[in-house]
């Protein structure tokens, strides 16, 4: 997998070097516990670490981008 895109609060973030199923499990477990900080990359080019606060009711989209995907 090339990366995993995350859409949160109307903004775009990404996660690299992670397994999709493990990331989904982290998100589910974190939300079930009440509060969880998810580590993601912010920005294009050189990654900058950012943390997204996940709580029950948080709207988050997880989009896997496979290797070789053609992007706009």
C-alpha atoms as a PDB file:
ATOM      1  CA  UNK A   1       0.000   0.000   0.000  1.00  0.00           C
ATOM      2  CA  UNK A   2       1.328   3.405  -0.992  1.00  0.00           C
ATOM      3  CA  UNK A   3      -0.344   5.272   1.893  1.00  0.00           C
ATOM      4  CA  UNK A   4      -3.645   5.746   3.655  1.00  0.00           C
ATOM      5  CA  UNK A   5      -5.439   9.067   3.294  1.00  0.00           C
ATOM      6  CA  UNK A   6      -7.435  10.416   6.223  1.00  0.00           C
ATOM      7  CA  UNK A   7     -10.152  13.058   5.938  1.00  0.00           C
ATOM      8  CA  UNK A   8     -10.988  14.698   9.271  1.00  0.00           C
ATOM      9  CA  UNK A   9     -12.659  18.024  10.005  1.00  0.00           C
ATOM     10  CA  UNK A  10     -12.701  18.934   6.318  1.00  0.00           C
ATOM     11  CA  UNK A  11      -8.922  18.548   6.065  1.00  0.00           C
ATOM     12  CA  UNK A  12      -6.716  15.952   4.359  1.00  0.00           C
ATOM     13  CA  UNK A  13      -4.037  13.985   6.208  1.00  0.00           C
ATOM     14  CA  UNK A  14      -2.142  10.778   5.425  1.00  0.00           C
ATOM     15  CA  UNK A  15      -0.583   7.791   7.123  1.00  0.00           C
ATOM     16  CA  UNK A  16       2.377   5.897   5.683  1.00  0.00           C
ATOM     17  CA  UNK A  17       3.972   2.579   6.547  1.00  0.00           C
ATOM     18  CA  UNK A  18       0.870   1.214   8.290  1.00  0.00           C
ATOM     19  CA  UNK A  19      -1.328  -1.803   7.630  1.00  0.00           C
ATOM     20  CA  UNK A  20      -4.926  -0.795   6.842  1.00  0.00           C
ATOM     21  CA  UNK A  21      -6.497  -3.379   9.162  1.00  0.00           C
ATOM     22  CA  UNK A  22      -4.228  -2.370  12.056  1.00  0.00           C
ATOM     23  CA  UNK A  23      -5.061   1.310  11.542  1.00  0.00           C
ATOM     24  CA  UNK A  24      -8.802   0.604  11.450  1.00  0.00           C
ATOM     25  CA  UNK A  25      -8.475  -1.455  14.636  1.00  0.00           C
ATOM     26  CA  UNK A  26      -6.560   1.392  16.342  1.00  0.00           C
ATOM     27  CA  UNK A  27      -9.287   3.857  15.367  1.00  0.00           C
ATOM     28  CA  UNK A  28     -12.121   1.553  16.522  1.00  0.00           C
ATOM     29  CA  UNK A  29     -10.433   0.678  19.807  1.00  0.00           C
ATOM     30  CA  UNK A  30      -9.499   4.297  20.458  1.00  0.00           C
ATOM     31  CA  UNK A  31     -13.020   5.584  19.894  1.00  0.00           C
ATOM     32  CA  UNK A  32     -14.480   2.774  22.020  1.00  0.00           C
ATOM     33  CA  UNK A  33     -12.221   3.858  24.894  1.00  0.00           C
ATOM     34  CA  UNK A  34     -13.697   7.378  24.716  1.00  0.00           C
ATOM     35  CA  UNK A  35     -10.708   9.459  23.583  1.00  0.00           C
ATOM     36  CA  UNK A  36      -7.761   8.667  21.313  1.00  0.00           C
ATOM     37  CA  UNK A  37      -5.053  10.729  19.633  1.00  0.00           C
ATOM     38  CA  UNK A  38      -4.303   9.386  16.115  1.00  0.00           C
ATOM     39  CA  UNK A  39      -0.857  10.203  14.715  1.00  0.00           C
ATOM     40  CA  UNK A  40      -0.978  11.307  11.053  1.00  0.00           C
ATOM     41  CA  UNK A  41       1.065  13.302   8.523  1.00  0.00           C
ATOM     42  CA  UNK A  42       0.044  16.838   7.632  1.00  0.00           C
ATOM     43  CA  UNK A  43       0.948  18.650   4.414  1.00  0.00           C
ATOM     44  CA  UNK A  44       2.527  17.774   1.105  1.00  0.00           C
ATOM     45  CA  UNK A  45       6.199  16.982   0.585  1.00  0.00           C
ATOM     46  CA  UNK A  46       8.135  16.639   3.835  1.00  0.00           C
ATOM     47  CA  UNK A  47       5.776  15.074   6.382  1.00  0.00           C
ATOM     48  CA  UNK A  48       4.850  16.983   9.523  1.00  0.00           C
ATOM     49  CA  UNK A  49       3.410  14.961  12.354  1.00  0.00           C
ATOM     50  CA  UNK A  50      -0.059  15.925  13.539  1.00  0.00           C
ATOM     51  CA  UNK A  51      -2.457  14.353  16.037  1.00  0.00           C
ATOM     52  CA  UNK A  52      -6.198  14.006  15.482  1.00  0.00           C
ATOM     53  CA  UNK A  53      -8.473  13.755  18.514  1.00  0.00           C
ATOM     54  CA  UNK A  54     -10.925  10.880  18.054  1.00  0.00           C
ATOM     55  CA  UNK A  55     -14.011  10.598  20.242  1.00  0.00           C
ATOM     56  CA  UNK A  56     -17.381   8.884  19.807  1.00  0.00           C
ATOM     57  CA  UNK A  57     -19.224  10.690  17.001  1.00  0.00           C
ATOM     58  CA  UNK A  58     -16.035  11.880  15.290  1.00  0.00           C
ATOM     59  CA  UNK A  59     -16.424  11.919  11.516  1.00  0.00           C
ATOM     60  CA  UNK A  60     -13.349  10.408   9.867  1.00  0.00           C
ATOM     61  CA  UNK A  61     -12.819   8.861   6.433  1.00  0.00           C
ATOM     62  CA  UNK A  62     -10.053   6.317   5.800  1.00  0.00           C
ATOM     63  CA  UNK A  63      -9.047   5.898   2.130  1.00  0.00           C
ATOM     64  CA  UNK A  64      -6.383   3.305   1.230  1.00  0.00           C
ATOM     65  CA  UNK A  65      -4.209   4.332  -1.750  1.00  0.00           C
ATOM     66  CA  UNK A  66      -2.676   1.214  -3.338  1.00  0.00           C
ATOM     67  CA  UNK A  67       0.781   1.101  -4.893  1.00  0.00           C
ATOM     68  CA  UNK A  68       0.676   2.187  -8.525  1.00  0.00           C
ATOM     69  CA  UNK A  69      -2.486   4.260  -8.075  1.00  0.00           C
ATOM     70  CA  UNK A  70      -2.843   7.093 -10.588  1.00  0.00           C
ATOM     71  CA  UNK A  71      -3.543  10.357  -8.801  1.00  0.00           C
ATOM     72  CA  UNK A  72      -4.780  13.706 -10.179  1.00  0.00           C
END
